[in-house]
């Protein structure tokens, strides 16, 4: 079980889903959904709890995307 950050209020089912993803071992995941729903917030906390990393694909110029 991962350390559940105190900044997470509610979001129990979402956090448990992320825990199950991590417990399966190394993998690639895609998270999508409505804007302003807290996806980045949850993933930032997941990365902090596991020492992992994430990449956020956003729109922009080709140069900006390559720089990221």
PDB file of N, CA and C in Angstrom:
ATOM      1  N   UNK A   1       0.840  -1.180   0.000  1.00  0.00           N
ATOM      2  CA  UNK A   1       0.000   0.000   0.000  1.00  0.00           C
ATOM      3  C   UNK A   1       0.887   1.246   0.000  1.00  0.00           C
ATOM      4  N   UNK A   2       0.559   2.180  -0.867  1.00  0.00           N
ATOM      5  CA  UNK A   2       1.305   3.425  -0.967  1.00  0.00           C
ATOM      6  C   UNK A   2       0.894   4.394   0.131  1.00  0.00           C
ATOM      7  N   UNK A   3       1.833   5.261   0.476  1.00  0.00           N
ATOM      8  CA  UNK A   3       1.515   6.346   1.396  1.00  0.00           C
ATOM      9  C   UNK A   3       0.486   7.250   0.746  1.00  0.00           C
ATOM     10  N   UNK A   4      -0.622   7.452   1.407  1.00  0.00           N
ATOM     11  CA  UNK A   4      -1.669   8.324   0.868  1.00  0.00           C
ATOM     12  C   UNK A   4      -1.415   9.751   1.349  1.00  0.00           C
ATOM     13  N   UNK A   5      -1.123  10.671   0.427  1.00  0.00           N
ATOM     14  CA  UNK A   5      -0.843  12.054   0.817  1.00  0.00           C
ATOM     15  C   UNK A   5      -2.018  12.692   1.546  1.00  0.00           C
ATOM     16  N   UNK A   6      -1.715  13.488   2.548  1.00  0.00           N
ATOM     17  CA  UNK A   6      -2.768  14.147   3.308  1.00  0.00           C
ATOM     18  C   UNK A   6      -3.477  15.214   2.468  1.00  0.00           C
ATOM     19  N   UNK A   7      -2.852  15.662   1.375  1.00  0.00           N
ATOM     20  CA  UNK A   7      -3.471  16.664   0.510  1.00  0.00           C
ATOM     21  C   UNK A   7      -4.659  16.095  -0.271  1.00  0.00           C
ATOM     22  N   UNK A   8      -4.756  14.779  -0.331  1.00  0.00           N
ATOM     23  CA  UNK A   8      -5.875  14.160  -1.048  1.00  0.00           C
ATOM     24  C   UNK A   8      -7.079  14.085  -0.123  1.00  0.00           C
ATOM     25  N   UNK A   9      -8.103  14.780  -0.506  1.00  0.00           N
ATOM     26  CA  UNK A   9      -9.344  14.761   0.260  1.00  0.00           C
ATOM     27  C   UNK A   9     -10.357  14.026  -0.603  1.00  0.00           C
ATOM     28  N   UNK A  10     -10.890  12.940  -0.073  1.00  0.00           N
ATOM     29  CA  UNK A  10     -11.750  12.095  -0.889  1.00  0.00           C
ATOM     30  C   UNK A  10     -10.870  11.325  -1.860  1.00  0.00           C
ATOM     31  N   UNK A  11     -11.298  11.138  -3.056  1.00  0.00           N
ATOM     32  CA  UNK A  11     -10.527  10.486  -4.118  1.00  0.00           C
ATOM     33  C   UNK A  11     -10.045   9.092  -3.744  1.00  0.00           C
ATOM     34  N   UNK A  12     -10.736   8.423  -2.845  1.00  0.00           N
ATOM     35  CA  UNK A  12     -10.318   7.096  -2.387  1.00  0.00           C
ATOM     36  C   UNK A  12     -10.299   6.096  -3.532  1.00  0.00           C
ATOM     37  N   UNK A  13     -11.348   6.029  -4.313  1.00  0.00           N
ATOM     38  CA  UNK A  13     -11.388   5.036  -5.396  1.00  0.00           C
ATOM     39  C   UNK A  13     -10.336   5.340  -6.463  1.00  0.00           C
ATOM     40  N   UNK A  14     -10.110   6.617  -6.745  1.00  0.00           N
ATOM     41  CA  UNK A  14      -9.096   6.979  -7.737  1.00  0.00           C
ATOM     42  C   UNK A  14      -7.704   6.576  -7.259  1.00  0.00           C
ATOM     43  N   UNK A  15      -7.408   6.861  -5.991  1.00  0.00           N
ATOM     44  CA  UNK A  15      -6.090   6.522  -5.437  1.00  0.00           C
ATOM     45  C   UNK A  15      -5.900   5.004  -5.401  1.00  0.00           C
ATOM     46  N   UNK A  16      -6.940   4.271  -5.039  1.00  0.00           N
ATOM     47  CA  UNK A  16      -6.848   2.809  -5.015  1.00  0.00           C
ATOM     48  C   UNK A  16      -6.596   2.253  -6.416  1.00  0.00           C
ATOM     49  N   UNK A  17      -7.198   2.855  -7.430  1.00  0.00           N
ATOM     50  CA  UNK A  17      -6.946   2.440  -8.805  1.00  0.00           C
ATOM     51  C   UNK A  17      -5.498   2.669  -9.206  1.00  0.00           C
ATOM     52  N   UNK A  18      -4.944   3.792  -8.793  1.00  0.00           N
ATOM     53  CA  UNK A  18      -3.539   4.071  -9.077  1.00  0.00           C
ATOM     54  C   UNK A  18      -2.625   3.110  -8.318  1.00  0.00           C
ATOM     55  N   UNK A  19      -2.990   2.772  -7.082  1.00  0.00           N
ATOM     56  CA  UNK A  19      -2.215   1.787  -6.319  1.00  0.00           C
ATOM     57  C   UNK A  19      -2.190   0.437  -7.031  1.00  0.00           C
ATOM     58  N   UNK A  20      -3.337   0.009  -7.543  1.00  0.00           N
ATOM     59  CA  UNK A  20      -3.390  -1.271  -8.267  1.00  0.00           C
ATOM     60  C   UNK A  20      -2.502  -1.230  -9.504  1.00  0.00           C
ATOM     61  N   UNK A  21      -2.490  -0.110 -10.199  1.00  0.00           N
ATOM     62  CA  UNK A  21      -1.630   0.048 -11.371  1.00  0.00           C
ATOM     63  C   UNK A  21      -0.163  -0.109 -10.983  1.00  0.00           C
ATOM     64  N   UNK A  22       0.243   0.526  -9.899  1.00  0.00           N
ATOM     65  CA  UNK A  22       1.638   0.467  -9.447  1.00  0.00           C
ATOM     66  C   UNK A  22       1.999  -0.942  -8.986  1.00  0.00           C
ATOM     67  N   UNK A  23       1.092  -1.609  -8.292  1.00  0.00           N
ATOM     68  CA  UNK A  23       1.363  -2.951  -7.764  1.00  0.00           C
ATOM     69  C   UNK A  23       1.592  -3.978  -8.866  1.00  0.00           C
ATOM     70  N   UNK A  24       1.067  -3.753 -10.066  1.00  0.00           N
ATOM     71  CA  UNK A  24       1.275  -4.681 -11.178  1.00  0.00           C
ATOM     72  C   UNK A  24       2.709  -4.648 -11.691  1.00  0.00           C
ATOM     73  N   UNK A  25       3.465  -3.657 -11.301  1.00  0.00           N
ATOM     74  CA  UNK A  25       4.850  -3.566 -11.742  1.00  0.00           C
ATOM     75  C   UNK A  25       5.011  -2.524 -12.833  1.00  0.00           C
ATOM     76  N   UNK A  26       6.241  -2.398 -13.343  1.00  0.00           N
ATOM     77  CA  UNK A  26       6.516  -1.367 -14.350  1.00  0.00           C
ATOM     78  C   UNK A  26       5.553  -1.466 -15.527  1.00  0.00           C
ATOM     79  N   UNK A  27       5.117  -0.337 -15.970  1.00  0.00           N
ATOM     80  CA  UNK A  27       4.183  -0.334 -17.083  1.00  0.00           C
ATOM     81  C   UNK A  27       3.978   1.056 -17.638  1.00  0.00           C
ATOM     82  N   UNK A  28       3.165   1.127 -18.638  1.00  0.00           N
ATOM     83  CA  UNK A  28       2.840   2.375 -19.311  1.00  0.00           C
ATOM     84  C   UNK A  28       1.356   2.605 -19.141  1.00  0.00           C
ATOM     85  N   UNK A  29       1.000   3.782 -18.715  1.00  0.00           N
ATOM     86  CA  UNK A  29      -0.410   4.085 -18.536  1.00  0.00           C
ATOM     87  C   UNK A  29      -0.783   5.417 -19.137  1.00  0.00           C
ATOM     88  N   UNK A  30      -2.005   5.544 -19.520  1.00  0.00           N
ATOM     89  CA  UNK A  30      -2.537   6.786 -20.041  1.00  0.00           C
ATOM     90  C   UNK A  30      -3.722   7.180 -19.180  1.00  0.00           C
ATOM     91  N   UNK A  31      -3.732   8.412 -18.758  1.00  0.00           N
ATOM     92  CA  UNK A  31      -4.839   8.937 -17.959  1.00  0.00           C
ATOM     93  C   UNK A  31      -5.505  10.038 -18.775  1.00  0.00           C
ATOM     94  N   UNK A  32      -6.797   9.936 -18.922  1.00  0.00           N
ATOM     95  CA  UNK A  32      -7.523  10.960 -19.673  1.00  0.00           C
ATOM     96  C   UNK A  32      -8.837  11.240 -18.985  1.00  0.00           C
ATOM     97  N   UNK A  33      -9.395  12.371 -19.303  1.00  0.00           N
ATOM     98  CA  UNK A  33     -10.678  12.727 -18.727  1.00  0.00           C
ATOM     99  C   UNK A  33     -10.955  14.200 -18.893  1.00  0.00           C
ATOM    100  N   UNK A  34     -12.005  14.638 -18.259  1.00  0.00           N
ATOM    101  CA  UNK A  34     -12.434  16.019 -18.325  1.00  0.00           C
ATOM    102  C   UNK A  34     -11.346  16.962 -17.845  1.00  0.00           C
ATOM    103  N   UNK A  35     -11.320  18.149 -18.424  1.00  0.00           N
ATOM    104  CA  UNK A  35     -10.390  19.172 -17.963  1.00  0.00           C
ATOM    105  C   UNK A  35     -10.734  19.596 -16.541  1.00  0.00           C
ATOM    106  N   UNK A  36      -9.694  19.972 -15.801  1.00  0.00           N
ATOM    107  CA  UNK A  36      -9.844  20.516 -14.446  1.00  0.00           C
ATOM    108  C   UNK A  36     -10.454  19.519 -13.471  1.00  0.00           C
ATOM    109  N   UNK A  37     -10.197  18.227 -13.675  1.00  0.00           N
ATOM    110  CA  UNK A  37     -10.762  17.204 -12.791  1.00  0.00           C
ATOM    111  C   UNK A  37      -9.757  16.699 -11.757  1.00  0.00           C
ATOM    112  N   UNK A  38      -8.495  17.161 -11.826  1.00  0.00           N
ATOM    113  CA  UNK A  38      -7.501  16.766 -10.839  1.00  0.00           C
ATOM    114  C   UNK A  38      -6.593  15.624 -11.257  1.00  0.00           C
ATOM    115  N   UNK A  39      -6.540  15.306 -12.544  1.00  0.00           N
ATOM    116  CA  UNK A  39      -5.697  14.201 -13.021  1.00  0.00           C
ATOM    117  C   UNK A  39      -4.224  14.467 -12.726  1.00  0.00           C
ATOM    118  N   UNK A  40      -3.740  15.644 -13.074  1.00  0.00           N
ATOM    119  CA  UNK A  40      -2.329  15.981 -12.845  1.00  0.00           C
ATOM    120  C   UNK A  40      -2.005  15.986 -11.358  1.00  0.00           C
ATOM    121  N   UNK A  41      -2.917  16.495 -10.549  1.00  0.00           N
ATOM    122  CA  UNK A  41      -2.736  16.533  -9.101  1.00  0.00           C
ATOM    123  C   UNK A  41      -2.531  15.125  -8.548  1.00  0.00           C
ATOM    124  N   UNK A  42      -3.396  14.197  -8.949  1.00  0.00           N
ATOM    125  CA  UNK A  42      -3.280  12.812  -8.490  1.00  0.00           C
ATOM    126  C   UNK A  42      -1.968  12.183  -8.963  1.00  0.00           C
ATOM    127  N   UNK A  43      -1.630  12.401 -10.224  1.00  0.00           N
ATOM    128  CA  UNK A  43      -0.408  11.795 -10.761  1.00  0.00           C
ATOM    129  C   UNK A  43       0.848  12.384 -10.140  1.00  0.00           C
ATOM    130  N   UNK A  44       0.844  13.680  -9.857  1.00  0.00           N
ATOM    131  CA  UNK A  44       2.000  14.283  -9.176  1.00  0.00           C
ATOM    132  C   UNK A  44       2.225  13.629  -7.818  1.00  0.00           C
ATOM    133  N   UNK A  45       1.148  13.366  -7.098  1.00  0.00           N
ATOM    134  CA  UNK A  45       1.267  12.715  -5.789  1.00  0.00           C
ATOM    135  C   UNK A  45       1.683  11.247  -5.933  1.00  0.00           C
ATOM    136  N   UNK A  46       1.199  10.586  -6.962  1.00  0.00           N
ATOM    137  CA  UNK A  46       1.601   9.203  -7.210  1.00  0.00           C
ATOM    138  C   UNK A  46       3.097   9.124  -7.509  1.00  0.00           C
ATOM    139  N   UNK A  47       3.576  10.019  -8.344  1.00  0.00           N
ATOM    140  CA  UNK A  47       5.004  10.049  -8.686  1.00  0.00           C
ATOM    141  C   UNK A  47       5.841  10.313  -7.435  1.00  0.00           C
ATOM    142  N   UNK A  48       5.391  11.230  -6.602  1.00  0.00           N
ATOM    143  CA  UNK A  48       6.120  11.525  -5.363  1.00  0.00           C
ATOM    144  C   UNK A  48       6.149  10.314  -4.432  1.00  0.00           C
ATOM    145  N   UNK A  49       5.053   9.562  -4.381  1.00  0.00           N
ATOM    146  CA  UNK A  49       4.964   8.404  -3.482  1.00  0.00           C
ATOM    147  C   UNK A  49       5.776   7.215  -3.978  1.00  0.00           C
ATOM    148  N   UNK A  50       6.001   7.127  -5.290  1.00  0.00           N
ATOM    149  CA  UNK A  50       6.671   5.949  -5.839  1.00  0.00           C
ATOM    150  C   UNK A  50       8.070   6.221  -6.360  1.00  0.00           C
ATOM    151  N   UNK A  51       8.441   7.495  -6.495  1.00  0.00           N
ATOM    152  CA  UNK A  51       9.743   7.812  -7.072  1.00  0.00           C
ATOM    153  C   UNK A  51       9.754   7.641  -8.582  1.00  0.00           C
ATOM    154  N   UNK A  52       8.586   7.605  -9.183  1.00  0.00           N
ATOM    155  CA  UNK A  52       8.485   7.439 -10.628  1.00  0.00           C
ATOM    156  C   UNK A  52       8.572   8.763 -11.356  1.00  0.00           C
ATOM    157  N   UNK A  53       8.138   8.761 -12.588  1.00  0.00           N
ATOM    158  CA  UNK A  53       8.101  10.002 -13.369  1.00  0.00           C
ATOM    159  C   UNK A  53       6.898   9.958 -14.294  1.00  0.00           C
ATOM    160  N   UNK A  54       6.554  11.107 -14.820  1.00  0.00           N
ATOM    161  CA  UNK A  54       5.441  11.195 -15.754  1.00  0.00           C
ATOM    162  C   UNK A  54       5.750  12.249 -16.800  1.00  0.00           C
ATOM    163  N   UNK A  55       5.127  12.100 -17.930  1.00  0.00           N
ATOM    164  CA  UNK A  55       5.247  13.062 -19.008  1.00  0.00           C
ATOM    165  C   UNK A  55       3.851  13.507 -19.384  1.00  0.00           C
ATOM    166  N   UNK A  56       3.663  14.805 -19.476  1.00  0.00           N
ATOM    167  CA  UNK A  56       2.353  15.332 -19.813  1.00  0.00           C
ATOM    168  C   UNK A  56       2.390  15.835 -21.245  1.00  0.00           C
ATOM    169  N   UNK A  57       1.667  15.167 -22.106  1.00  0.00           N
ATOM    170  CA  UNK A  57       1.584  15.569 -23.503  1.00  0.00           C
ATOM    171  C   UNK A  57       0.583  16.708 -23.631  1.00  0.00           C
ATOM    172  N   UNK A  58       1.072  17.839 -24.055  1.00  0.00           N
ATOM    173  CA  UNK A  58       0.207  18.999 -24.238  1.00  0.00           C
ATOM    174  C   UNK A  58       0.413  19.556 -25.637  1.00  0.00           C
ATOM    175  N   UNK A  59      -0.535  20.322 -26.080  1.00  0.00           N
ATOM    176  CA  UNK A  59      -0.419  20.932 -27.398  1.00  0.00           C
ATOM    177  C   UNK A  59       0.662  21.998 -27.416  1.00  0.00           C
ATOM    178  N   UNK A  60       1.157  22.286 -28.564  1.00  0.00           N
ATOM    179  CA  UNK A  60       2.165  23.322 -28.713  1.00  0.00           C
ATOM    180  C   UNK A  60       2.868  23.171 -30.042  1.00  0.00           C
ATOM    181  N   UNK A  61       3.862  23.961 -30.229  1.00  0.00           N
ATOM    182  CA  UNK A  61       4.623  23.874 -31.469  1.00  0.00           C
ATOM    183  C   UNK A  61       5.499  22.627 -31.445  1.00  0.00           C
ATOM    184  N   UNK A  62       5.925  22.210 -32.596  1.00  0.00           N
ATOM    185  CA  UNK A  62       6.796  21.036 -32.682  1.00  0.00           C
ATOM    186  C   UNK A  62       8.072  21.247 -31.870  1.00  0.00           C
ATOM    187  N   UNK A  63       8.643  22.424 -31.937  1.00  0.00           N
ATOM    188  CA  UNK A  63       9.882  22.731 -31.203  1.00  0.00           C
ATOM    189  C   UNK A  63       9.660  22.609 -29.691  1.00  0.00           C
ATOM    190  N   UNK A  64       8.551  23.144 -29.209  1.00  0.00           N
ATOM    191  CA  UNK A  64       8.236  23.083 -27.781  1.00  0.00           C
ATOM    192  C   UNK A  64       8.057  21.644 -27.334  1.00  0.00           C
ATOM    193  N   UNK A  65       7.362  20.851 -28.124  1.00  0.00           N
ATOM    194  CA  UNK A  65       7.141  19.464 -27.755  1.00  0.00           C
ATOM    195  C   UNK A  65       8.449  18.684 -27.736  1.00  0.00           C
ATOM    196  N   UNK A  66       9.320  18.939 -28.697  1.00  0.00           N
ATOM    197  CA  UNK A  66      10.615  18.247 -28.717  1.00  0.00           C
ATOM    198  C   UNK A  66      11.478  18.670 -27.526  1.00  0.00           C
ATOM    199  N   UNK A  67      11.419  19.931 -27.157  1.00  0.00           N
ATOM    200  CA  UNK A  67      12.179  20.409 -26.002  1.00  0.00           C
ATOM    201  C   UNK A  67      11.731  19.746 -24.713  1.00  0.00           C
ATOM    202  N   UNK A  68      10.419  19.481 -24.617  1.00  0.00           N
ATOM    203  CA  UNK A  68       9.888  18.821 -23.410  1.00  0.00           C
ATOM    204  C   UNK A  68      10.429  17.415 -23.313  1.00  0.00           C
TER     205      UNK A  68
END
